[in-house]
């Protein structure tokens, strides 16, 4: 390991911080995902330290560190800052070279990115002003329903008749859910309705960005099969999800560090 070069990408979002270490062959040798917390600089460094620990190296040996995400300017170890749009596109394309679109649904924002045949960003649309269409929307609803968020995807797939959540505002959608509960609506149908609602919101971004298949979904919400399935129906095409969708942006940042 002493003769090998190591490159790092750190993606500091408003909800979670992600770090990825790669070698010259672009293999992931260490990674970490933690809550961002109130101190973004501290979270970024701790995340980088954890990824380095998994890789069996010191963070100081990184030949280059690229930071991205909401808190990228708070990453003390960075050599360069790059937008999350560029990093998600780079990471997604490395994992799925045929991709022409990226849909990223994170904790507090969502993005739709159109790529050309060489993987360059053609257009993008982003929602970072409202919780609707983000992971935060689902977190609020999971607390309301007193169900673990990790159960949402599976339970949505068991729904026979999803309810309609008409509001795109988290506060008003919460009121709709309470009304459905008051009418003893099936919980799985409510969850499916919520997954459909978030997919519908993100589909609006996808339509404005004029996404083309094949599409890859990144971000923590990509682990929710209910949302993925709802997006597939709206897009009219299959969606590819990486094994670890949360770290795609950090992986892209690490690849850019290696490119440098």
C-alpha atoms as a PDB file:
ATOM      1  CA  UNK A   1       0.000   0.000   0.000  1.00  0.00           C
ATOM      2  CA  UNK A   2       2.941   2.326   0.641  1.00  0.00           C
ATOM      3  CA  UNK A   3       3.739   2.633  -3.088  1.00  0.00           C
ATOM      4  CA  UNK A   4       0.127   3.169  -4.147  1.00  0.00           C
ATOM      5  CA  UNK A   5      -1.449   6.579  -4.456  1.00  0.00           C
ATOM      6  CA  UNK A   6      -4.689   7.315  -2.644  1.00  0.00           C
ATOM      7  CA  UNK A   7      -7.318   9.876  -3.618  1.00  0.00           C
ATOM      8  CA  UNK A   8     -10.285  11.087  -1.594  1.00  0.00           C
ATOM      9  CA  UNK A   9     -13.702  12.572  -2.253  1.00  0.00           C
ATOM     10  CA  UNK A  10     -15.748  14.148   0.538  1.00  0.00           C
ATOM     11  CA  UNK A  11     -19.426  14.979  -0.025  1.00  0.00           C
ATOM     12  CA  UNK A  12     -20.842  17.083   2.787  1.00  0.00           C
ATOM     13  CA  UNK A  13     -24.608  17.346   2.537  1.00  0.00           C
ATOM     14  CA  UNK A  14     -27.010  19.048   4.910  1.00  0.00           C
ATOM     15  CA  UNK A  15     -28.111  15.659   6.290  1.00  0.00           C
ATOM     16  CA  UNK A  16     -25.108  13.355   5.870  1.00  0.00           C
ATOM     17  CA  UNK A  17     -21.390  13.509   5.148  1.00  0.00           C
ATOM     18  CA  UNK A  18     -19.867  10.903   2.866  1.00  0.00           C
ATOM     19  CA  UNK A  19     -16.198  10.114   2.162  1.00  0.00           C
ATOM     20  CA  UNK A  20     -14.623   7.729  -0.335  1.00  0.00           C
ATOM     21  CA  UNK A  21     -10.987   6.744  -0.805  1.00  0.00           C
ATOM     22  CA  UNK A  22      -9.850   5.170  -4.072  1.00  0.00           C
ATOM     23  CA  UNK A  23      -6.591   3.922  -5.553  1.00  0.00           C
ATOM     24  CA  UNK A  24      -5.087   4.544  -8.997  1.00  0.00           C
ATOM     25  CA  UNK A  25      -7.335   1.851 -10.472  1.00  0.00           C
ATOM     26  CA  UNK A  26     -10.425   3.731  -9.175  1.00  0.00           C
ATOM     27  CA  UNK A  27     -11.202   0.900  -6.745  1.00  0.00           C
ATOM     28  CA  UNK A  28     -12.967   2.012  -3.561  1.00  0.00           C
ATOM     29  CA  UNK A  29     -10.654   1.073  -0.693  1.00  0.00           C
ATOM     30  CA  UNK A  30     -12.493   2.897   2.079  1.00  0.00           C
ATOM     31  CA  UNK A  31     -15.748   4.744   2.621  1.00  0.00           C
ATOM     32  CA  UNK A  32     -17.912   6.207   5.372  1.00  0.00           C
ATOM     33  CA  UNK A  33     -21.345   7.814   5.796  1.00  0.00           C
ATOM     34  CA  UNK A  34     -22.237   9.766   8.940  1.00  0.00           C
ATOM     35  CA  UNK A  35     -24.766  12.397  10.006  1.00  0.00           C
ATOM     36  CA  UNK A  36     -23.576  15.916   9.179  1.00  0.00           C
ATOM     37  CA  UNK A  37     -24.604  17.349  12.527  1.00  0.00           C
ATOM     38  CA  UNK A  38     -24.211  20.987  13.474  1.00  0.00           C
ATOM     39  CA  UNK A  39     -20.485  21.284  12.759  1.00  0.00           C
ATOM     40  CA  UNK A  40     -19.903  20.539   9.079  1.00  0.00           C
ATOM     41  CA  UNK A  41     -16.123  20.956   9.248  1.00  0.00           C
ATOM     42  CA  UNK A  42     -15.858  18.493  12.116  1.00  0.00           C
ATOM     43  CA  UNK A  43     -18.194  15.996  10.441  1.00  0.00           C
ATOM     44  CA  UNK A  44     -16.255  16.187   7.169  1.00  0.00           C
ATOM     45  CA  UNK A  45     -12.951  15.456   8.886  1.00  0.00           C
ATOM     46  CA  UNK A  46     -14.404  12.649  10.988  1.00  0.00           C
ATOM     47  CA  UNK A  47     -15.952  11.063   7.902  1.00  0.00           C
ATOM     48  CA  UNK A  48     -12.634  11.276   6.036  1.00  0.00           C
ATOM     49  CA  UNK A  49     -10.848   9.762   9.042  1.00  0.00           C
ATOM     50  CA  UNK A  50     -13.300   6.847   9.164  1.00  0.00           C
ATOM     51  CA  UNK A  51     -12.908   6.139   5.449  1.00  0.00           C
ATOM     52  CA  UNK A  52      -9.123   6.247   5.809  1.00  0.00           C
ATOM     53  CA  UNK A  53      -9.313   3.902   8.790  1.00  0.00           C
ATOM     54  CA  UNK A  54     -11.296   1.409   6.713  1.00  0.00           C
ATOM     55  CA  UNK A  55      -8.700   1.722   3.939  1.00  0.00           C
ATOM     56  CA  UNK A  56      -5.877   1.152   6.423  1.00  0.00           C
ATOM     57  CA  UNK A  57      -4.132   4.439   5.683  1.00  0.00           C
ATOM     58  CA  UNK A  58      -3.704   7.863   7.237  1.00  0.00           C
ATOM     59  CA  UNK A  59      -5.826  10.678   5.741  1.00  0.00           C
ATOM     60  CA  UNK A  60      -2.564  12.604   5.348  1.00  0.00           C
ATOM     61  CA  UNK A  61      -1.341  10.239   2.612  1.00  0.00           C
ATOM     62  CA  UNK A  62      -4.080  11.283   0.162  1.00  0.00           C
ATOM     63  CA  UNK A  63      -2.469  12.655  -2.992  1.00  0.00           C
ATOM     64  CA  UNK A  64      -5.526  14.877  -3.545  1.00  0.00           C
ATOM     65  CA  UNK A  65      -8.848  15.553  -1.830  1.00  0.00           C
ATOM     66  CA  UNK A  66     -11.856  16.965  -3.692  1.00  0.00           C
ATOM     67  CA  UNK A  67     -14.805  18.274  -1.699  1.00  0.00           C
ATOM     68  CA  UNK A  68     -18.378  18.580  -2.902  1.00  0.00           C
ATOM     69  CA  UNK A  69     -21.874  19.105  -1.562  1.00  0.00           C
ATOM     70  CA  UNK A  70     -23.604  21.746   0.499  1.00  0.00           C
ATOM     71  CA  UNK A  71     -20.694  22.035   2.956  1.00  0.00           C
ATOM     72  CA  UNK A  72     -17.770  21.585   0.569  1.00  0.00           C
ATOM     73  CA  UNK A  73     -16.081  24.820   1.600  1.00  0.00           C
ATOM     74  CA  UNK A  74     -15.914  23.510   5.173  1.00  0.00           C
ATOM     75  CA  UNK A  75     -13.657  20.573   4.261  1.00  0.00           C
ATOM     76  CA  UNK A  76     -10.271  21.635   5.637  1.00  0.00           C
ATOM     77  CA  UNK A  77      -8.344  18.887   3.849  1.00  0.00           C
ATOM     78  CA  UNK A  78      -9.628  19.770   0.375  1.00  0.00           C
ATOM     79  CA  UNK A  79      -7.349  20.621  -2.535  1.00  0.00           C
ATOM     80  CA  UNK A  80     -10.314  21.631  -4.660  1.00  0.00           C
ATOM     81  CA  UNK A  81     -14.080  22.148  -4.427  1.00  0.00           C
ATOM     82  CA  UNK A  82     -16.383  20.879  -7.171  1.00  0.00           C
ATOM     83  CA  UNK A  83     -20.168  21.190  -7.497  1.00  0.00           C
ATOM     84  CA  UNK A  84     -22.301  18.201  -6.561  1.00  0.00           C
ATOM     85  CA  UNK A  85     -23.828  18.179 -10.051  1.00  0.00           C
ATOM     86  CA  UNK A  86     -20.428  17.473 -11.613  1.00  0.00           C
ATOM     87  CA  UNK A  87     -19.466  14.919  -8.956  1.00  0.00           C
ATOM     88  CA  UNK A  88     -22.727  12.966  -9.119  1.00  0.00           C
ATOM     89  CA  UNK A  89     -22.491  12.848 -12.910  1.00  0.00           C
ATOM     90  CA  UNK A  90     -18.875  11.659 -12.748  1.00  0.00           C
ATOM     91  CA  UNK A  91     -19.581   8.994 -10.152  1.00  0.00           C
ATOM     92  CA  UNK A  92     -22.754   7.740 -11.819  1.00  0.00           C
ATOM     93  CA  UNK A  93     -21.084   7.461 -15.206  1.00  0.00           C
ATOM     94  CA  UNK A  94     -18.160   5.502 -13.747  1.00  0.00           C
ATOM     95  CA  UNK A  95     -20.574   3.009 -12.190  1.00  0.00           C
ATOM     96  CA  UNK A  96     -22.870   2.844 -15.221  1.00  0.00           C
ATOM     97  CA  UNK A  97     -21.128   4.063 -18.413  1.00  0.00           C
ATOM     98  CA  UNK A  98     -24.330   3.852 -20.478  1.00  0.00           C
ATOM     99  CA  UNK A  99     -26.142   6.362 -18.234  1.00  0.00           C
ATOM    100  CA  UNK A 100     -27.592   9.439 -19.908  1.00  0.00           C
ATOM    101  CA  UNK A 101     -29.469  10.743 -16.873  1.00  0.00           C
ATOM    102  CA  UNK A 102     -28.948  10.952 -13.136  1.00  0.00           C
ATOM    103  CA  UNK A 103     -31.702  11.425 -10.561  1.00  0.00           C
ATOM    104  CA  UNK A 104     -30.288  12.185  -7.121  1.00  0.00           C
ATOM    105  CA  UNK A 105     -32.630  12.373  -4.123  1.00  0.00           C
ATOM    106  CA  UNK A 106     -30.788  13.343  -0.982  1.00  0.00           C
ATOM    107  CA  UNK A 107     -31.765  14.346   2.517  1.00  0.00           C
ATOM    108  CA  UNK A 108     -32.727  17.932   1.745  1.00  0.00           C
ATOM    109  CA  UNK A 109     -32.456  18.398  -1.998  1.00  0.00           C
ATOM    110  CA  UNK A 110     -33.055  16.554  -5.249  1.00  0.00           C
ATOM    111  CA  UNK A 111     -31.441  16.857  -8.666  1.00  0.00           C
ATOM    112  CA  UNK A 112     -32.135  15.755 -12.239  1.00  0.00           C
ATOM    113  CA  UNK A 113     -29.081  15.740 -14.515  1.00  0.00           C
ATOM    114  CA  UNK A 114     -29.022  15.106 -18.272  1.00  0.00           C
ATOM    115  CA  UNK A 115     -25.751  13.825 -19.778  1.00  0.00           C
ATOM    116  CA  UNK A 116     -24.458  13.675 -23.334  1.00  0.00           C
ATOM    117  CA  UNK A 117     -22.895  10.578 -24.922  1.00  0.00           C
ATOM    118  CA  UNK A 118     -19.509  11.512 -23.421  1.00  0.00           C
ATOM    119  CA  UNK A 119     -20.903  11.930 -19.941  1.00  0.00           C
ATOM    120  CA  UNK A 120     -20.799  15.715 -19.882  1.00  0.00           C
ATOM    121  CA  UNK A 121     -23.596  17.609 -18.115  1.00  0.00           C
ATOM    122  CA  UNK A 122     -26.046  19.011 -20.659  1.00  0.00           C
ATOM    123  CA  UNK A 123     -28.758  20.318 -18.339  1.00  0.00           C
ATOM    124  CA  UNK A 124     -29.811  20.013 -14.735  1.00  0.00           C
ATOM    125  CA  UNK A 125     -32.652  20.994 -12.454  1.00  0.00           C
ATOM    126  CA  UNK A 126     -32.420  21.158  -8.670  1.00  0.00           C
ATOM    127  CA  UNK A 127     -34.847  21.465  -5.765  1.00  0.00           C
ATOM    128  CA  UNK A 128     -33.139  22.791  -2.648  1.00  0.00           C
ATOM    129  CA  UNK A 129     -35.797  25.222  -1.404  1.00  0.00           C
ATOM    130  CA  UNK A 130     -38.498  22.829  -0.215  1.00  0.00           C
ATOM    131  CA  UNK A 131     -38.493  19.514   1.676  1.00  0.00           C
ATOM    132  CA  UNK A 132     -41.023  17.990  -0.756  1.00  0.00           C
ATOM    133  CA  UNK A 133     -39.258  15.621  -3.129  1.00  0.00           C
ATOM    134  CA  UNK A 134     -36.423  14.894  -0.683  1.00  0.00           C
ATOM    135  CA  UNK A 135     -35.503  12.349   1.932  1.00  0.00           C
ATOM    136  CA  UNK A 136     -36.564  14.783   4.651  1.00  0.00           C
ATOM    137  CA  UNK A 137     -40.157  14.518   3.394  1.00  0.00           C
ATOM    138  CA  UNK A 138     -40.085  10.748   3.955  1.00  0.00           C
ATOM    139  CA  UNK A 139     -38.412  11.123   7.359  1.00  0.00           C
ATOM    140  CA  UNK A 140     -41.204  13.426   8.556  1.00  0.00           C
ATOM    141  CA  UNK A 141     -43.840  10.963   7.346  1.00  0.00           C
ATOM    142  CA  UNK A 142     -42.081   7.980   8.902  1.00  0.00           C
ATOM    143  CA  UNK A 143     -42.137   9.697  12.289  1.00  0.00           C
ATOM    144  CA  UNK A 144     -45.803  10.553  11.829  1.00  0.00           C
ATOM    145  CA  UNK A 145     -46.669   6.945  10.981  1.00  0.00           C
ATOM    146  CA  UNK A 146     -44.312   5.592  13.687  1.00  0.00           C
ATOM    147  CA  UNK A 147     -42.652   3.299  11.157  1.00  0.00           C
ATOM    148  CA  UNK A 148     -38.938   2.852  10.473  1.00  0.00           C
ATOM    149  CA  UNK A 149     -37.930   4.620   7.281  1.00  0.00           C
ATOM    150  CA  UNK A 150     -36.115   1.500   6.073  1.00  0.00           C
ATOM    151  CA  UNK A 151     -39.489  -0.301   5.988  1.00  0.00           C
ATOM    152  CA  UNK A 152     -41.101   2.203   3.617  1.00  0.00           C
ATOM    153  CA  UNK A 153     -39.941   0.673   0.346  1.00  0.00           C
ATOM    154  CA  UNK A 154     -41.057  -2.863   1.120  1.00  0.00           C
ATOM    155  CA  UNK A 155     -44.406  -1.813   2.535  1.00  0.00           C
ATOM    156  CA  UNK A 156     -45.150   0.408  -0.468  1.00  0.00           C
ATOM    157  CA  UNK A 157     -44.671  -2.605  -2.718  1.00  0.00           C
ATOM    158  CA  UNK A 158     -47.424  -4.454  -0.809  1.00  0.00           C
ATOM    159  CA  UNK A 159     -49.990  -1.733  -1.444  1.00  0.00           C
ATOM    160  CA  UNK A 160     -53.086  -2.686  -3.403  1.00  0.00           C
ATOM    161  CA  UNK A 161     -54.630   0.770  -3.697  1.00  0.00           C
ATOM    162  CA  UNK A 162     -52.272   3.689  -3.004  1.00  0.00           C
ATOM    163  CA  UNK A 163     -53.907   6.813  -1.619  1.00  0.00           C
ATOM    164  CA  UNK A 164     -53.494  10.146  -3.383  1.00  0.00           C
ATOM    165  CA  UNK A 165     -51.336  12.744  -1.643  1.00  0.00           C
ATOM    166  CA  UNK A 166     -52.194  15.862  -3.603  1.00  0.00           C
ATOM    167  CA  UNK A 167     -50.120  18.475  -1.762  1.00  0.00           C
ATOM    168  CA  UNK A 168     -46.491  19.128  -2.699  1.00  0.00           C
ATOM    169  CA  UNK A 169     -45.929  20.873   0.646  1.00  0.00           C
ATOM    170  CA  UNK A 170     -44.646  18.706   3.490  1.00  0.00           C
ATOM    171  CA  UNK A 171     -46.822  20.448   6.080  1.00  0.00           C
ATOM    172  CA  UNK A 172     -50.031  20.056   4.063  1.00  0.00           C
ATOM    173  CA  UNK A 173     -49.109  16.509   3.038  1.00  0.00           C
ATOM    174  CA  UNK A 174     -48.770  15.704   6.729  1.00  0.00           C
ATOM    175  CA  UNK A 175     -52.336  16.918   7.231  1.00  0.00           C
ATOM    176  CA  UNK A 176     -53.493  14.688   4.376  1.00  0.00           C
ATOM    177  CA  UNK A 177     -51.833  11.670   5.983  1.00  0.00           C
ATOM    178  CA  UNK A 178     -53.532  12.427   9.300  1.00  0.00           C
ATOM    179  CA  UNK A 179     -56.875  12.566   7.468  1.00  0.00           C
ATOM    180  CA  UNK A 180     -56.202   9.176   5.853  1.00  0.00           C
ATOM    181  CA  UNK A 181     -55.308   7.720   9.252  1.00  0.00           C
ATOM    182  CA  UNK A 182     -58.518   9.113  10.723  1.00  0.00           C
ATOM    183  CA  UNK A 183     -60.426   7.228   8.018  1.00  0.00           C
ATOM    184  CA  UNK A 184     -58.568   4.004   8.940  1.00  0.00           C
ATOM    185  CA  UNK A 185     -56.884   3.863   5.547  1.00  0.00           C
ATOM    186  CA  UNK A 186     -54.489   0.941   5.059  1.00  0.00           C
ATOM    187  CA  UNK A 187     -50.986   1.982   6.175  1.00  0.00           C
ATOM    188  CA  UNK A 188     -49.293   0.346   3.184  1.00  0.00           C
ATOM    189  CA  UNK A 189     -51.560   2.313   0.860  1.00  0.00           C
ATOM    190  CA  UNK A 190     -50.616   5.552   2.648  1.00  0.00           C
ATOM    191  CA  UNK A 191     -46.915   4.743   2.362  1.00  0.00           C
ATOM    192  CA  UNK A 192     -47.303   3.945  -1.332  1.00  0.00           C
ATOM    193  CA  UNK A 193     -49.100   7.256  -1.789  1.00  0.00           C
ATOM    194  CA  UNK A 194     -46.203   9.071  -0.133  1.00  0.00           C
ATOM    195  CA  UNK A 195     -43.680   7.302  -2.387  1.00  0.00           C
ATOM    196  CA  UNK A 196     -45.772   8.272  -5.409  1.00  0.00           C
ATOM    197  CA  UNK A 197     -45.912  11.873  -4.174  1.00  0.00           C
ATOM    198  CA  UNK A 198     -42.139  12.211  -3.862  1.00  0.00           C
ATOM    199  CA  UNK A 199     -41.652  10.558  -7.254  1.00  0.00           C
ATOM    200  CA  UNK A 200     -44.151  12.955  -8.830  1.00  0.00           C
ATOM    201  CA  UNK A 201     -42.294  15.945  -7.409  1.00  0.00           C
ATOM    202  CA  UNK A 202     -38.937  14.703  -8.715  1.00  0.00           C
ATOM    203  CA  UNK A 203     -40.484  13.814 -12.063  1.00  0.00           C
ATOM    204  CA  UNK A 204     -41.227  17.512 -12.478  1.00  0.00           C
ATOM    205  CA  UNK A 205     -37.480  18.188 -12.250  1.00  0.00           C
ATOM    206  CA  UNK A 206     -36.765  15.333 -14.652  1.00  0.00           C
ATOM    207  CA  UNK A 207     -39.224  16.711 -17.197  1.00  0.00           C
ATOM    208  CA  UNK A 208     -37.690  20.183 -17.090  1.00  0.00           C
ATOM    209  CA  UNK A 209     -34.190  18.716 -17.459  1.00  0.00           C
ATOM    210  CA  UNK A 210     -35.434  16.584 -20.402  1.00  0.00           C
ATOM    211  CA  UNK A 211     -33.889  13.387 -19.088  1.00  0.00           C
ATOM    212  CA  UNK A 212     -33.214  10.472 -21.408  1.00  0.00           C
ATOM    213  CA  UNK A 213     -32.814   6.757 -20.666  1.00  0.00           C
ATOM    214  CA  UNK A 214     -30.845   4.973 -19.327  1.00  0.00           C
ATOM    215  CA  UNK A 215     -31.241   6.605 -15.915  1.00  0.00           C
ATOM    216  CA  UNK A 216     -29.332   5.951 -12.700  1.00  0.00           C
ATOM    217  CA  UNK A 217     -30.707   7.002  -9.293  1.00  0.00           C
ATOM    218  CA  UNK A 218     -28.368   8.078  -6.505  1.00  0.00           C
ATOM    219  CA  UNK A 219     -28.790   9.378  -2.965  1.00  0.00           C
ATOM    220  CA  UNK A 220     -30.225   7.714   0.111  1.00  0.00           C
ATOM    221  CA  UNK A 221     -33.789   7.610  -1.237  1.00  0.00           C
ATOM    222  CA  UNK A 222     -32.586   5.314  -4.045  1.00  0.00           C
ATOM    223  CA  UNK A 223     -32.671   2.536  -1.420  1.00  0.00           C
ATOM    224  CA  UNK A 224     -36.464   2.961  -1.231  1.00  0.00           C
ATOM    225  CA  UNK A 225     -37.869   0.569  -3.801  1.00  0.00           C
ATOM    226  CA  UNK A 226     -41.295   2.200  -3.559  1.00  0.00           C
ATOM    227  CA  UNK A 227     -39.943   5.533  -4.794  1.00  0.00           C
ATOM    228  CA  UNK A 228     -37.757   3.853  -7.436  1.00  0.00           C
ATOM    229  CA  UNK A 229     -40.729   1.895  -8.796  1.00  0.00           C
ATOM    230  CA  UNK A 230     -42.915   5.021  -8.854  1.00  0.00           C
ATOM    231  CA  UNK A 231     -40.188   6.897 -10.760  1.00  0.00           C
ATOM    232  CA  UNK A 232     -39.901   4.043 -13.252  1.00  0.00           C
ATOM    233  CA  UNK A 233     -43.630   4.246 -13.951  1.00  0.00           C
ATOM    234  CA  UNK A 234     -43.484   8.018 -14.488  1.00  0.00           C
ATOM    235  CA  UNK A 235     -40.343   7.874 -16.648  1.00  0.00           C
ATOM    236  CA  UNK A 236     -41.605   4.865 -18.586  1.00  0.00           C
ATOM    237  CA  UNK A 237     -38.219   3.156 -18.342  1.00  0.00           C
ATOM    238  CA  UNK A 238     -36.166   1.095 -15.862  1.00  0.00           C
ATOM    239  CA  UNK A 239     -33.981   2.893 -13.331  1.00  0.00           C
ATOM    240  CA  UNK A 240     -30.569   1.560 -12.345  1.00  0.00           C
ATOM    241  CA  UNK A 241     -29.547   1.905  -8.692  1.00  0.00           C
ATOM    242  CA  UNK A 242     -25.968   1.432  -7.434  1.00  0.00           C
ATOM    243  CA  UNK A 243     -25.268  -0.927  -4.565  1.00  0.00           C
ATOM    244  CA  UNK A 244     -24.380   2.068  -2.343  1.00  0.00           C
ATOM    245  CA  UNK A 245     -26.254   5.033  -3.817  1.00  0.00           C
ATOM    246  CA  UNK A 246     -25.370   7.448  -1.000  1.00  0.00           C
ATOM    247  CA  UNK A 247     -21.660   7.569  -1.813  1.00  0.00           C
ATOM    248  CA  UNK A 248     -21.890   8.189  -5.573  1.00  0.00           C
ATOM    249  CA  UNK A 249     -21.168  11.923  -5.226  1.00  0.00           C
ATOM    250  CA  UNK A 250     -18.164  11.290  -2.983  1.00  0.00           C
ATOM    251  CA  UNK A 251     -16.943   8.611  -5.399  1.00  0.00           C
ATOM    252  CA  UNK A 252     -17.216  11.076  -8.265  1.00  0.00           C
ATOM    253  CA  UNK A 253     -15.251  13.625  -6.227  1.00  0.00           C
ATOM    254  CA  UNK A 254     -12.530  11.025  -5.578  1.00  0.00           C
ATOM    255  CA  UNK A 255     -12.359  10.247  -9.309  1.00  0.00           C
ATOM    256  CA  UNK A 256     -11.959  13.950 -10.062  1.00  0.00           C
ATOM    257  CA  UNK A 257      -9.170  14.066  -7.453  1.00  0.00           C
ATOM    258  CA  UNK A 258      -7.463  11.218  -9.311  1.00  0.00           C
ATOM    259  CA  UNK A 259      -7.959  12.992 -12.657  1.00  0.00           C
ATOM    260  CA  UNK A 260      -6.198  16.033 -11.253  1.00  0.00           C
END
